[in-house]
Amino acid sequence: MDNLSPSPLLERFYEQVPKGAALDIGFGKGNDSIFLVNKGFRVTAIDTKKGNIDDLARIAKENNLSIKAGLADVRKFEFLNKKYDIIVAIQSLIWMRKSEYVKIIKKIKESLKINGIGIISGFTIKDPSYLNLKSARSSIEKNTFYSKSEKRFWQFLEPQELKKCFKKDFKILHYREKLVKDRFYDKISPPHVHAIAEIVVKKKRNK
């Protein structure tokens, strides 16, 4: 597990919540799930790729870690009301329609406990992928495209859109829009970059 470093925002903000229930949406290599369980959280991790599930299960078994990992599409996942102390969705809410994204954000907000932390990021309309998709095909919803070759949707965020999703009942601890190098293509030249929006929010108690 030497190279499984967590997302920087998770490492920075996880201590603001008690060691309770955590949900990792689209966990990929499982870095954040492993980090959270090692910090004492009860982790539920979901992903759409069976290979990722198998790899995380193997790592968990080899290191005697208890992670509830499941093969699931977040659009069909059952979000329970005020269930989680922390929810992580790093670049995992991109592959859907905008209308589906809006519904998932609403479910995430409802599923966080009072004082729970949400860490979310996604591509913006400044991303090279947006420009490529826009030039090649028409949008099927606002800032949403379908790639026949990849057989999946792409949805992109406008400036401040992610921040506006949490303007009520949440305290914004961090928000930034920036260009980042894609770590999976770090050896190519010129570097492959993405334009992202990232946010960390804390759920406030209703007055």
N, C-alpha and C. Protein backbone atom coordinates (compact mmCIF):
# COMPACT_ATOMS: atom_id res chain seq x y z
N MET A 1 0.82 -1.21 0.00
CA MET A 1 0.00 0.00 0.00
C MET A 1 0.85 1.27 0.00
N ASP A 2 2.12 1.15 -0.40
CA ASP A 2 3.04 2.27 -0.29
C ASP A 2 2.64 3.48 -1.13
N ASN A 3 2.03 3.23 -2.32
CA ASN A 3 1.71 4.32 -3.23
C ASN A 3 0.26 4.79 -3.14
N LEU A 4 -0.47 4.29 -2.16
CA LEU A 4 -1.89 4.62 -2.06
C LEU A 4 -2.12 5.85 -1.18
N SER A 5 -1.64 7.00 -1.64
CA SER A 5 -1.85 8.23 -0.89
C SER A 5 -3.27 8.73 -1.13
N PRO A 6 -3.91 9.33 -0.13
CA PRO A 6 -5.30 9.79 -0.27
C PRO A 6 -5.39 11.09 -1.05
N SER A 7 -6.60 11.46 -1.40
CA SER A 7 -6.83 12.76 -2.02
C SER A 7 -6.41 13.85 -1.05
N PRO A 8 -5.70 14.87 -1.51
CA PRO A 8 -5.22 15.92 -0.61
C PRO A 8 -6.32 16.57 0.22
N LEU A 9 -7.48 16.80 -0.37
CA LEU A 9 -8.57 17.44 0.39
C LEU A 9 -9.08 16.54 1.50
N LEU A 10 -9.13 15.25 1.25
CA LEU A 10 -9.56 14.31 2.29
C LEU A 10 -8.56 14.31 3.44
N GLU A 11 -7.30 14.26 3.11
CA GLU A 11 -6.26 14.26 4.14
C GLU A 11 -6.30 15.55 4.96
N ARG A 12 -6.68 16.63 4.32
CA ARG A 12 -6.70 17.93 4.98
C ARG A 12 -7.90 18.11 5.91
N PHE A 13 -9.06 17.53 5.53
CA PHE A 13 -10.30 17.86 6.24
C PHE A 13 -10.93 16.71 7.03
N TYR A 14 -10.43 15.49 6.93
CA TYR A 14 -11.13 14.36 7.56
C TYR A 14 -11.23 14.49 9.07
N GLU A 15 -10.29 15.18 9.69
CA GLU A 15 -10.29 15.29 11.15
C GLU A 15 -11.40 16.20 11.68
N GLN A 16 -12.13 16.86 10.79
CA GLN A 16 -13.20 17.76 11.24
C GLN A 16 -14.49 17.01 11.58
N VAL A 17 -14.51 15.71 11.36
CA VAL A 17 -15.69 14.91 11.71
C VAL A 17 -15.26 13.75 12.60
N PRO A 18 -16.18 13.24 13.42
CA PRO A 18 -15.86 12.08 14.26
C PRO A 18 -15.64 10.85 13.40
N LYS A 19 -14.98 9.87 13.96
CA LYS A 19 -14.72 8.63 13.23
C LYS A 19 -15.99 7.80 13.17
N GLY A 20 -16.77 8.03 12.12
CA GLY A 20 -18.04 7.35 11.96
C GLY A 20 -18.15 6.67 10.62
N ALA A 21 -19.30 6.86 9.95
CA ALA A 21 -19.57 6.20 8.68
C ALA A 21 -19.10 7.06 7.51
N ALA A 22 -18.45 6.41 6.54
CA ALA A 22 -17.95 7.11 5.37
C ALA A 22 -18.42 6.40 4.10
N LEU A 23 -18.69 7.19 3.07
CA LEU A 23 -19.07 6.66 1.76
C LEU A 23 -18.10 7.20 0.72
N ASP A 24 -17.47 6.28 -0.02
CA ASP A 24 -16.54 6.65 -1.08
C ASP A 24 -17.18 6.26 -2.41
N ILE A 25 -17.57 7.25 -3.20
CA ILE A 25 -18.29 7.03 -4.46
C ILE A 25 -17.30 6.99 -5.62
N GLY A 26 -17.31 5.89 -6.36
CA GLY A 26 -16.39 5.74 -7.48
C GLY A 26 -14.95 5.73 -7.01
N PHE A 27 -14.61 4.74 -6.17
CA PHE A 27 -13.35 4.79 -5.42
C PHE A 27 -12.11 4.52 -6.25
N GLY A 28 -12.24 3.99 -7.46
CA GLY A 28 -11.07 3.78 -8.30
C GLY A 28 -10.08 2.79 -7.71
N LYS A 29 -8.89 3.25 -7.39
CA LYS A 29 -7.87 2.39 -6.81
C LYS A 29 -8.07 2.16 -5.32
N GLY A 30 -8.98 2.89 -4.71
CA GLY A 30 -9.29 2.67 -3.30
C GLY A 30 -8.45 3.45 -2.32
N ASN A 31 -7.67 4.41 -2.82
CA ASN A 31 -6.79 5.18 -1.94
C ASN A 31 -7.54 5.80 -0.76
N ASP A 32 -8.64 6.47 -1.06
CA ASP A 32 -9.38 7.18 -0.02
C ASP A 32 -10.08 6.23 0.93
N SER A 33 -10.60 5.13 0.42
CA SER A 33 -11.26 4.14 1.27
C SER A 33 -10.28 3.55 2.27
N ILE A 34 -9.10 3.20 1.78
CA ILE A 34 -8.07 2.61 2.64
C ILE A 34 -7.61 3.62 3.69
N PHE A 35 -7.42 4.86 3.27
CA PHE A 35 -7.04 5.91 4.21
C PHE A 35 -8.07 6.06 5.31
N LEU A 36 -9.34 6.12 4.93
CA LEU A 36 -10.40 6.33 5.91
C LEU A 36 -10.53 5.18 6.89
N VAL A 37 -10.46 3.95 6.40
CA VAL A 37 -10.59 2.82 7.32
C VAL A 37 -9.40 2.76 8.27
N ASN A 38 -8.23 3.15 7.79
CA ASN A 38 -7.05 3.19 8.67
C ASN A 38 -7.15 4.29 9.72
N LYS A 39 -7.99 5.28 9.46
CA LYS A 39 -8.22 6.36 10.42
C LYS A 39 -9.40 6.08 11.35
N GLY A 40 -9.99 4.89 11.21
CA GLY A 40 -11.04 4.49 12.14
C GLY A 40 -12.46 4.64 11.65
N PHE A 41 -12.64 4.96 10.37
CA PHE A 41 -13.99 5.10 9.82
C PHE A 41 -14.55 3.75 9.37
N ARG A 42 -15.87 3.63 9.40
CA ARG A 42 -16.57 2.48 8.83
C ARG A 42 -16.89 2.83 7.38
N VAL A 43 -16.22 2.18 6.45
CA VAL A 43 -16.24 2.62 5.06
C VAL A 43 -17.13 1.75 4.18
N THR A 44 -18.01 2.42 3.44
CA THR A 44 -18.73 1.80 2.33
C THR A 44 -18.16 2.40 1.05
N ALA A 45 -17.73 1.55 0.14
CA ALA A 45 -17.10 2.01 -1.10
C ALA A 45 -17.82 1.40 -2.29
N ILE A 46 -18.20 2.24 -3.26
CA ILE A 46 -18.89 1.72 -4.44
C ILE A 46 -18.16 2.14 -5.71
N ASP A 47 -18.24 1.28 -6.72
CA ASP A 47 -17.61 1.55 -8.01
C ASP A 47 -18.35 0.73 -9.07
N THR A 48 -18.22 1.15 -10.32
CA THR A 48 -18.90 0.44 -11.41
C THR A 48 -18.00 -0.59 -12.09
N LYS A 49 -16.73 -0.65 -11.69
CA LYS A 49 -15.80 -1.58 -12.33
C LYS A 49 -15.47 -2.74 -11.39
N LYS A 50 -15.74 -3.96 -11.86
CA LYS A 50 -15.51 -5.13 -11.03
C LYS A 50 -14.04 -5.29 -10.68
N GLY A 51 -13.16 -4.91 -11.61
CA GLY A 51 -11.73 -5.01 -11.33
C GLY A 51 -11.32 -4.18 -10.13
N ASN A 52 -11.92 -3.00 -9.99
CA ASN A 52 -11.62 -2.15 -8.84
C ASN A 52 -12.13 -2.77 -7.55
N ILE A 53 -13.31 -3.40 -7.61
CA ILE A 53 -13.86 -4.08 -6.44
C ILE A 53 -12.93 -5.21 -6.01
N ASP A 54 -12.50 -6.01 -6.97
CA ASP A 54 -11.63 -7.15 -6.67
C ASP A 54 -10.30 -6.70 -6.09
N ASP A 55 -9.73 -5.64 -6.67
CA ASP A 55 -8.44 -5.15 -6.18
C ASP A 55 -8.54 -4.62 -4.76
N LEU A 56 -9.61 -3.88 -4.47
CA LEU A 56 -9.79 -3.34 -3.13
C LEU A 56 -10.03 -4.45 -2.12
N ALA A 57 -10.80 -5.45 -2.52
CA ALA A 57 -11.06 -6.59 -1.63
C ALA A 57 -9.76 -7.33 -1.32
N ARG A 58 -8.91 -7.47 -2.33
CA ARG A 58 -7.63 -8.15 -2.12
C ARG A 58 -6.74 -7.36 -1.16
N ILE A 59 -6.63 -6.06 -1.38
CA ILE A 59 -5.80 -5.22 -0.51
C ILE A 59 -6.33 -5.24 0.92
N ALA A 60 -7.65 -5.16 1.05
CA ALA A 60 -8.27 -5.18 2.38
C ALA A 60 -7.97 -6.49 3.10
N LYS A 61 -8.07 -7.60 2.37
CA LYS A 61 -7.81 -8.91 2.97
C LYS A 61 -6.36 -9.05 3.37
N GLU A 62 -5.46 -8.63 2.50
CA GLU A 62 -4.02 -8.74 2.77
C GLU A 62 -3.60 -7.91 3.97
N ASN A 63 -4.32 -6.83 4.24
CA ASN A 63 -3.95 -5.91 5.32
C ASN A 63 -4.94 -5.92 6.48
N ASN A 64 -5.83 -6.92 6.47
CA ASN A 64 -6.80 -7.10 7.55
C ASN A 64 -7.63 -5.83 7.78
N LEU A 65 -8.15 -5.28 6.69
CA LEU A 65 -8.98 -4.08 6.75
C LEU A 65 -10.43 -4.44 6.47
N SER A 66 -11.34 -3.78 7.16
CA SER A 66 -12.76 -4.04 6.97
C SER A 66 -13.38 -2.91 6.15
N ILE A 67 -13.61 -3.19 4.86
CA ILE A 67 -14.22 -2.22 3.95
C ILE A 67 -15.40 -2.89 3.26
N LYS A 68 -16.55 -2.25 3.32
CA LYS A 68 -17.74 -2.77 2.63
C LYS A 68 -17.73 -2.23 1.21
N ALA A 69 -17.18 -3.03 0.28
CA ALA A 69 -17.06 -2.60 -1.11
C ALA A 69 -18.10 -3.29 -1.96
N GLY A 70 -18.74 -2.52 -2.85
CA GLY A 70 -19.78 -3.10 -3.67
C GLY A 70 -19.79 -2.57 -5.09
N LEU A 71 -20.20 -3.44 -6.01
CA LEU A 71 -20.34 -3.06 -7.41
C LEU A 71 -21.68 -2.34 -7.57
N ALA A 72 -21.64 -1.04 -7.81
CA ALA A 72 -22.88 -0.27 -7.84
C ALA A 72 -22.73 1.00 -8.66
N ASP A 73 -23.79 1.35 -9.35
CA ASP A 73 -23.90 2.62 -10.06
C ASP A 73 -24.51 3.62 -9.07
N VAL A 74 -23.85 4.72 -8.86
CA VAL A 74 -24.31 5.70 -7.87
C VAL A 74 -25.73 6.17 -8.17
N ARG A 75 -26.13 6.13 -9.43
CA ARG A 75 -27.48 6.56 -9.80
C ARG A 75 -28.56 5.61 -9.27
N LYS A 76 -28.15 4.39 -8.92
CA LYS A 76 -29.09 3.40 -8.40
C LYS A 76 -28.82 3.07 -6.93
N PHE A 77 -27.83 3.72 -6.35
CA PHE A 77 -27.43 3.45 -4.97
C PHE A 77 -28.48 4.01 -4.00
N GLU A 78 -28.74 3.26 -2.94
CA GLU A 78 -29.72 3.70 -1.94
C GLU A 78 -29.03 4.58 -0.90
N PHE A 79 -29.25 5.87 -0.99
CA PHE A 79 -28.72 6.81 -0.02
C PHE A 79 -29.69 6.89 1.16
N LEU A 80 -29.19 6.62 2.35
CA LEU A 80 -30.02 6.69 3.55
C LEU A 80 -29.90 8.08 4.18
N ASN A 81 -30.99 8.58 4.71
CA ASN A 81 -31.03 9.93 5.27
C ASN A 81 -30.13 10.05 6.50
N LYS A 82 -29.26 11.07 6.48
CA LYS A 82 -28.36 11.37 7.60
C LYS A 82 -27.59 10.13 8.06
N LYS A 83 -27.00 9.44 7.11
CA LYS A 83 -26.29 8.19 7.37
C LYS A 83 -24.79 8.38 7.57
N TYR A 84 -24.20 9.32 6.81
CA TYR A 84 -22.74 9.37 6.74
C TYR A 84 -22.14 10.62 7.39
N ASP A 85 -20.97 10.42 8.00
CA ASP A 85 -20.20 11.53 8.55
C ASP A 85 -19.34 12.17 7.48
N ILE A 86 -19.00 11.40 6.46
CA ILE A 86 -18.19 11.93 5.37
C ILE A 86 -18.54 11.21 4.07
N ILE A 87 -18.68 11.97 3.00
CA ILE A 87 -18.94 11.41 1.67
C ILE A 87 -17.90 11.99 0.71
N VAL A 88 -17.24 11.10 -0.01
CA VAL A 88 -16.20 11.49 -0.96
C VAL A 88 -16.65 11.11 -2.37
N ALA A 89 -16.60 12.08 -3.28
CA ALA A 89 -16.92 11.83 -4.69
C ALA A 89 -15.93 12.62 -5.54
N ILE A 90 -14.74 12.08 -5.67
CA ILE A 90 -13.67 12.75 -6.39
C ILE A 90 -13.70 12.32 -7.86
N GLN A 91 -14.08 13.22 -8.73
CA GLN A 91 -14.13 12.97 -10.18
C GLN A 91 -14.98 11.75 -10.53
N SER A 92 -16.00 11.47 -9.75
CA SER A 92 -16.80 10.26 -9.98
C SER A 92 -18.25 10.55 -10.37
N LEU A 93 -18.62 11.82 -10.47
CA LEU A 93 -19.99 12.18 -10.84
C LEU A 93 -20.03 12.83 -12.23
N ILE A 94 -19.05 12.51 -13.04
CA ILE A 94 -18.92 13.09 -14.37
C ILE A 94 -19.72 12.30 -15.40
N TRP A 95 -19.73 10.96 -15.24
CA TRP A 95 -20.25 10.09 -16.29
C TRP A 95 -21.76 9.87 -16.16
N MET A 96 -22.51 10.95 -16.31
CA MET A 96 -23.97 10.89 -16.21
C MET A 96 -24.57 12.14 -16.83
N ARG A 97 -25.88 12.12 -16.99
CA ARG A 97 -26.58 13.31 -17.46
C ARG A 97 -26.58 14.40 -16.38
N LYS A 98 -26.70 15.64 -16.80
CA LYS A 98 -26.76 16.74 -15.84
C LYS A 98 -27.95 16.57 -14.89
N SER A 99 -29.08 16.13 -15.41
CA SER A 99 -30.27 15.94 -14.57
C SER A 99 -30.03 14.87 -13.52
N GLU A 100 -29.26 13.84 -13.86
CA GLU A 100 -28.93 12.80 -12.89
C GLU A 100 -27.95 13.33 -11.85
N TYR A 101 -27.01 14.14 -12.29
CA TYR A 101 -26.04 14.75 -11.39
C TYR A 101 -26.74 15.59 -10.32
N VAL A 102 -27.70 16.39 -10.74
CA VAL A 102 -28.45 17.24 -9.81
C VAL A 102 -29.14 16.38 -8.75
N LYS A 103 -29.71 15.27 -9.16
CA LYS A 103 -30.39 14.37 -8.21
C LYS A 103 -29.40 13.74 -7.24
N ILE A 104 -28.22 13.35 -7.73
CA ILE A 104 -27.21 12.74 -6.86
C ILE A 104 -26.71 13.74 -5.83
N ILE A 105 -26.47 14.97 -6.25
CA ILE A 105 -26.03 16.00 -5.30
C ILE A 105 -27.07 16.17 -4.20
N LYS A 106 -28.33 16.19 -4.56
CA LYS A 106 -29.41 16.32 -3.58
C LYS A 106 -29.37 15.15 -2.60
N LYS A 107 -29.15 13.94 -3.10
CA LYS A 107 -29.10 12.76 -2.24
C LYS A 107 -27.88 12.79 -1.31
N ILE A 108 -26.77 13.26 -1.83
CA ILE A 108 -25.57 13.40 -0.99
C ILE A 108 -25.84 14.37 0.15
N LYS A 109 -26.46 15.48 -0.15
CA LYS A 109 -26.77 16.48 0.88
C LYS A 109 -27.68 15.90 1.96
N GLU A 110 -28.66 15.14 1.54
CA GLU A 110 -29.59 14.54 2.50
C GLU A 110 -28.95 13.42 3.30
N SER A 111 -27.98 12.73 2.71
CA SER A 111 -27.39 11.56 3.35
C SER A 111 -26.29 11.91 4.35
N LEU A 112 -25.81 13.14 4.31
CA LEU A 112 -24.81 13.58 5.28
C LEU A 112 -25.47 13.88 6.63
N LYS A 113 -24.80 13.49 7.69
CA LYS A 113 -25.26 13.85 9.03
C LYS A 113 -25.01 15.33 9.28
N ILE A 114 -25.64 15.88 10.29
CA ILE A 114 -25.33 17.25 10.71
C ILE A 114 -23.85 17.31 11.09
N ASN A 115 -23.16 18.32 10.59
CA ASN A 115 -21.72 18.51 10.75
C ASN A 115 -20.90 17.53 9.91
N GLY A 116 -21.57 16.75 9.06
CA GLY A 116 -20.86 15.85 8.16
C GLY A 116 -20.15 16.62 7.05
N ILE A 117 -19.13 15.99 6.49
CA ILE A 117 -18.29 16.62 5.47
C ILE A 117 -18.54 15.96 4.11
N GLY A 118 -18.68 16.79 3.08
CA GLY A 118 -18.75 16.31 1.71
C GLY A 118 -17.57 16.84 0.91
N ILE A 119 -16.90 15.95 0.18
CA ILE A 119 -15.76 16.33 -0.66
C ILE A 119 -16.07 15.89 -2.09
N ILE A 120 -16.23 16.85 -2.98
CA ILE A 120 -16.71 16.57 -4.33
C ILE A 120 -15.90 17.36 -5.35
N SER A 121 -15.64 16.73 -6.49
CA SER A 121 -14.98 17.45 -7.58
C SER A 121 -15.49 16.95 -8.91
N GLY A 122 -15.31 17.76 -9.94
CA GLY A 122 -15.74 17.38 -11.28
C GLY A 122 -15.10 18.26 -12.33
N PHE A 123 -15.28 17.89 -13.59
CA PHE A 123 -14.73 18.66 -14.70
C PHE A 123 -15.59 19.90 -14.97
N THR A 124 -14.95 20.97 -15.39
CA THR A 124 -15.67 22.18 -15.77
C THR A 124 -15.69 22.34 -17.29
N ILE A 125 -16.42 23.34 -17.75
CA ILE A 125 -16.53 23.56 -19.19
C ILE A 125 -15.23 24.10 -19.79
N LYS A 126 -14.23 24.35 -18.97
CA LYS A 126 -12.91 24.73 -19.47
C LYS A 126 -12.03 23.51 -19.73
N ASP A 127 -12.54 22.32 -19.43
CA ASP A 127 -11.78 21.10 -19.63
C ASP A 127 -11.61 20.81 -21.12
N PRO A 128 -10.44 20.33 -21.55
CA PRO A 128 -10.25 19.99 -22.96
C PRO A 128 -11.27 18.99 -23.49
N SER A 129 -11.72 18.07 -22.64
CA SER A 129 -12.71 17.08 -23.07
C SER A 129 -14.02 17.75 -23.45
N TYR A 130 -14.40 18.79 -22.73
CA TYR A 130 -15.62 19.53 -23.05
C TYR A 130 -15.51 20.16 -24.43
N LEU A 131 -14.39 20.78 -24.69
CA LEU A 131 -14.20 21.45 -25.97
C LEU A 131 -14.21 20.44 -27.11
N ASN A 132 -13.60 19.28 -26.90
CA ASN A 132 -13.58 18.25 -27.93
C ASN A 132 -14.97 17.69 -28.18
N LEU A 133 -15.70 17.40 -27.11
CA LEU A 133 -17.04 16.85 -27.25
C LEU A 133 -18.00 17.86 -27.88
N LYS A 134 -17.86 19.11 -27.49
CA LYS A 134 -18.74 20.15 -28.02
C LYS A 134 -18.54 20.36 -29.51
N SER A 135 -17.32 20.25 -29.96
CA SER A 135 -17.03 20.45 -31.39
C SER A 135 -17.47 19.26 -32.23
N ALA A 136 -17.59 18.08 -31.59
CA ALA A 136 -17.89 16.86 -32.33
C ALA A 136 -19.37 16.48 -32.33
N ARG A 137 -20.11 16.95 -31.33
CA ARG A 137 -21.52 16.52 -31.22
C ARG A 137 -22.34 17.54 -30.44
N SER A 138 -23.65 17.43 -30.57
CA SER A 138 -24.56 18.33 -29.87
C SER A 138 -24.81 17.83 -28.45
N SER A 139 -25.07 18.76 -27.54
CA SER A 139 -25.37 18.37 -26.17
C SER A 139 -26.77 17.78 -26.10
N ILE A 140 -26.96 16.79 -25.23
CA ILE A 140 -28.27 16.16 -25.07
C ILE A 140 -29.02 16.76 -23.89
N GLU A 141 -28.28 17.35 -22.98
CA GLU A 141 -28.82 18.18 -21.90
C GLU A 141 -27.81 19.29 -21.70
N LYS A 142 -28.08 20.18 -20.79
CA LYS A 142 -27.15 21.29 -20.57
C LYS A 142 -25.77 20.76 -20.20
N ASN A 143 -24.78 21.11 -21.01
CA ASN A 143 -23.39 20.70 -20.79
C ASN A 143 -23.23 19.19 -20.61
N THR A 144 -24.05 18.44 -21.32
CA THR A 144 -24.01 16.97 -21.26
C THR A 144 -23.88 16.41 -22.67
N PHE A 145 -22.97 15.44 -22.81
CA PHE A 145 -22.75 14.81 -24.11
C PHE A 145 -22.72 13.30 -23.94
N TYR A 146 -22.97 12.60 -25.05
CA TYR A 146 -22.87 11.13 -25.02
C TYR A 146 -21.82 10.70 -26.03
N SER A 147 -20.86 9.90 -25.55
CA SER A 147 -19.80 9.37 -26.40
C SER A 147 -20.17 7.95 -26.81
N LYS A 148 -20.44 7.75 -28.09
CA LYS A 148 -20.80 6.41 -28.57
C LYS A 148 -19.61 5.46 -28.47
N SER A 149 -18.42 5.95 -28.72
CA SER A 149 -17.24 5.09 -28.67
C SER A 149 -16.96 4.59 -27.25
N GLU A 150 -17.20 5.44 -26.26
CA GLU A 150 -16.98 5.06 -24.86
C GLU A 150 -18.24 4.53 -24.20
N LYS A 151 -19.38 4.74 -24.86
CA LYS A 151 -20.67 4.29 -24.35
C LYS A 151 -20.96 4.87 -22.96
N ARG A 152 -20.78 6.17 -22.85
CA ARG A 152 -21.06 6.83 -21.58
C ARG A 152 -21.33 8.32 -21.78
N PHE A 153 -22.00 8.88 -20.78
CA PHE A 153 -22.28 10.31 -20.77
C PHE A 153 -21.12 11.07 -20.14
N TRP A 154 -21.02 12.33 -20.50
CA TRP A 154 -20.11 13.27 -19.86
C TRP A 154 -20.92 14.50 -19.48
N GLN A 155 -20.80 14.97 -18.25
CA GLN A 155 -21.44 16.24 -17.88
C GLN A 155 -20.39 17.15 -17.25
N PHE A 156 -20.51 18.43 -17.54
CA PHE A 156 -19.50 19.40 -17.12
C PHE A 156 -20.14 20.54 -16.33
N LEU A 157 -19.33 21.13 -15.45
CA LEU A 157 -19.80 22.19 -14.55
C LEU A 157 -19.45 23.57 -15.09
N GLU A 158 -20.38 24.49 -14.94
CA GLU A 158 -20.11 25.88 -15.26
C GLU A 158 -19.40 26.54 -14.08
N PRO A 159 -18.78 27.70 -14.30
CA PRO A 159 -18.13 28.41 -13.19
C PRO A 159 -19.08 28.63 -12.02
N GLN A 160 -18.64 28.28 -10.83
CA GLN A 160 -19.39 28.47 -9.58
C GLN A 160 -20.60 27.53 -9.44
N GLU A 161 -20.86 26.68 -10.42
CA GLU A 161 -22.04 25.82 -10.36
C GLU A 161 -22.00 24.88 -9.15
N LEU A 162 -20.86 24.25 -8.93
CA LEU A 162 -20.74 23.32 -7.81
C LEU A 162 -20.93 24.05 -6.48
N LYS A 163 -20.40 25.23 -6.38
CA LYS A 163 -20.53 26.03 -5.16
C LYS A 163 -21.99 26.40 -4.90
N LYS A 164 -22.72 26.74 -5.95
CA LYS A 164 -24.12 27.12 -5.81
C LYS A 164 -24.99 25.97 -5.33
N CYS A 165 -24.56 24.73 -5.58
CA CYS A 165 -25.33 23.56 -5.14
C CYS A 165 -25.42 23.49 -3.62
N PHE A 166 -24.49 24.14 -2.93
CA PHE A 166 -24.41 24.02 -1.48
C PHE A 166 -24.58 25.37 -0.78
N LYS A 167 -25.28 26.29 -1.43
CA LYS A 167 -25.42 27.63 -0.85
C LYS A 167 -26.36 27.66 0.35
N LYS A 168 -27.19 26.63 0.51
CA LYS A 168 -28.14 26.58 1.62
C LYS A 168 -27.84 25.38 2.51
N ASP A 169 -27.84 25.60 3.81
CA ASP A 169 -27.68 24.55 4.84
C ASP A 169 -26.28 23.95 4.89
N PHE A 170 -25.32 24.57 4.20
CA PHE A 170 -23.95 24.06 4.23
C PHE A 170 -22.96 25.19 4.39
N LYS A 171 -21.89 24.91 5.12
CA LYS A 171 -20.77 25.84 5.22
C LYS A 171 -19.70 25.38 4.25
N ILE A 172 -19.25 26.28 3.41
CA ILE A 172 -18.22 25.94 2.43
C ILE A 172 -16.85 26.13 3.08
N LEU A 173 -16.13 25.03 3.24
CA LEU A 173 -14.81 25.05 3.86
C LEU A 173 -13.71 25.30 2.84
N HIS A 174 -13.98 24.90 1.61
CA HIS A 174 -12.98 25.05 0.54
C HIS A 174 -13.70 25.03 -0.80
N TYR A 175 -13.30 25.93 -1.69
CA TYR A 175 -13.79 25.87 -3.08
C TYR A 175 -12.72 26.42 -4.00
N ARG A 176 -12.51 25.70 -5.10
CA ARG A 176 -11.50 26.17 -6.05
C ARG A 176 -11.78 25.59 -7.43
N GLU A 177 -11.52 26.40 -8.45
CA GLU A 177 -11.52 25.94 -9.83
C GLU A 177 -10.10 26.09 -10.36
N LYS A 178 -9.58 25.03 -10.99
CA LYS A 178 -8.17 25.05 -11.36
C LYS A 178 -7.88 24.05 -12.47
N LEU A 179 -6.68 24.16 -13.03
CA LEU A 179 -6.17 23.19 -13.98
C LEU A 179 -5.23 22.24 -13.24
N VAL A 180 -5.38 20.95 -13.50
CA VAL A 180 -4.52 19.96 -12.85
C VAL A 180 -3.99 18.98 -13.89
N LYS A 181 -2.79 18.47 -13.66
CA LYS A 181 -2.24 17.42 -14.51
C LYS A 181 -2.93 16.10 -14.18
N ASP A 182 -3.22 15.33 -15.20
CA ASP A 182 -3.79 14.00 -15.01
C ASP A 182 -2.68 13.06 -14.57
N ARG A 183 -2.77 12.56 -13.33
CA ARG A 183 -1.70 11.75 -12.77
C ARG A 183 -1.54 10.42 -13.49
N PHE A 184 -2.58 9.97 -14.21
CA PHE A 184 -2.49 8.70 -14.92
C PHE A 184 -1.78 8.84 -16.26
N TYR A 185 -1.54 10.10 -16.68
CA TYR A 185 -0.83 10.36 -17.94
C TYR A 185 0.33 11.31 -17.69
N ASP A 186 0.99 11.13 -16.56
CA ASP A 186 2.01 12.10 -16.15
C ASP A 186 3.31 11.99 -16.94
N LYS A 187 3.45 10.94 -17.76
CA LYS A 187 4.70 10.75 -18.49
C LYS A 187 4.62 11.23 -19.93
N ILE A 188 3.44 11.69 -20.37
CA ILE A 188 3.32 12.14 -21.75
C ILE A 188 3.68 13.62 -21.85
N SER A 189 4.02 14.05 -23.05
CA SER A 189 4.37 15.45 -23.28
C SER A 189 3.69 15.91 -24.58
N PRO A 190 3.00 17.06 -24.55
CA PRO A 190 2.76 17.91 -23.38
C PRO A 190 1.85 17.23 -22.36
N PRO A 191 1.89 17.67 -21.11
CA PRO A 191 1.10 17.00 -20.07
C PRO A 191 -0.40 17.06 -20.33
N HIS A 192 -1.10 16.00 -19.96
CA HIS A 192 -2.56 15.93 -20.09
C HIS A 192 -3.17 16.64 -18.88
N VAL A 193 -4.00 17.63 -19.12
CA VAL A 193 -4.56 18.42 -18.01
C VAL A 193 -6.08 18.36 -18.02
N HIS A 194 -6.65 18.62 -16.84
CA HIS A 194 -8.10 18.73 -16.70
C HIS A 194 -8.42 20.03 -15.97
N ALA A 195 -9.55 20.61 -16.32
CA ALA A 195 -10.08 21.77 -15.60
C ALA A 195 -11.13 21.27 -14.63
N ILE A 196 -10.89 21.47 -13.35
CA ILE A 196 -11.79 20.91 -12.34
C ILE A 196 -12.32 21.98 -11.39
N ALA A 197 -13.44 21.66 -10.79
CA ALA A 197 -13.97 22.42 -9.65
C ALA A 197 -13.99 21.46 -8.47
N GLU A 198 -13.56 21.92 -7.32
CA GLU A 198 -13.52 21.07 -6.13
C GLU A 198 -14.10 21.83 -4.94
N ILE A 199 -14.78 21.08 -4.08
CA ILE A 199 -15.44 21.72 -2.94
C ILE A 199 -15.39 20.81 -1.73
N VAL A 200 -15.29 21.43 -0.57
CA VAL A 200 -15.45 20.73 0.71
C VAL A 200 -16.51 21.49 1.49
N VAL A 201 -17.54 20.78 1.93
CA VAL A 201 -18.65 21.43 2.64
C VAL A 201 -18.94 20.71 3.95
N LYS A 202 -19.49 21.47 4.88
CA LYS A 202 -19.94 20.90 6.16
C LYS A 202 -21.43 21.20 6.33
N LYS A 203 -22.20 20.17 6.66
CA LYS A 203 -23.64 20.33 6.80
C LYS A 203 -23.98 21.03 8.11
N LYS A 204 -24.77 22.09 8.02
CA LYS A 204 -25.14 22.87 9.19
C LYS A 204 -26.44 22.36 9.79
N ARG A 205 -26.60 22.61 11.07
CA ARG A 205 -27.84 22.26 11.74
C ARG A 205 -28.92 23.26 11.34
N ASN A 206 -30.10 22.75 11.00
CA ASN A 206 -31.21 23.62 10.62
C ASN A 206 -31.63 24.49 11.80
N LYS A 207 -31.88 25.76 11.53
CA LYS A 207 -32.28 26.68 12.60
C LYS A 207 -33.77 26.53 12.90
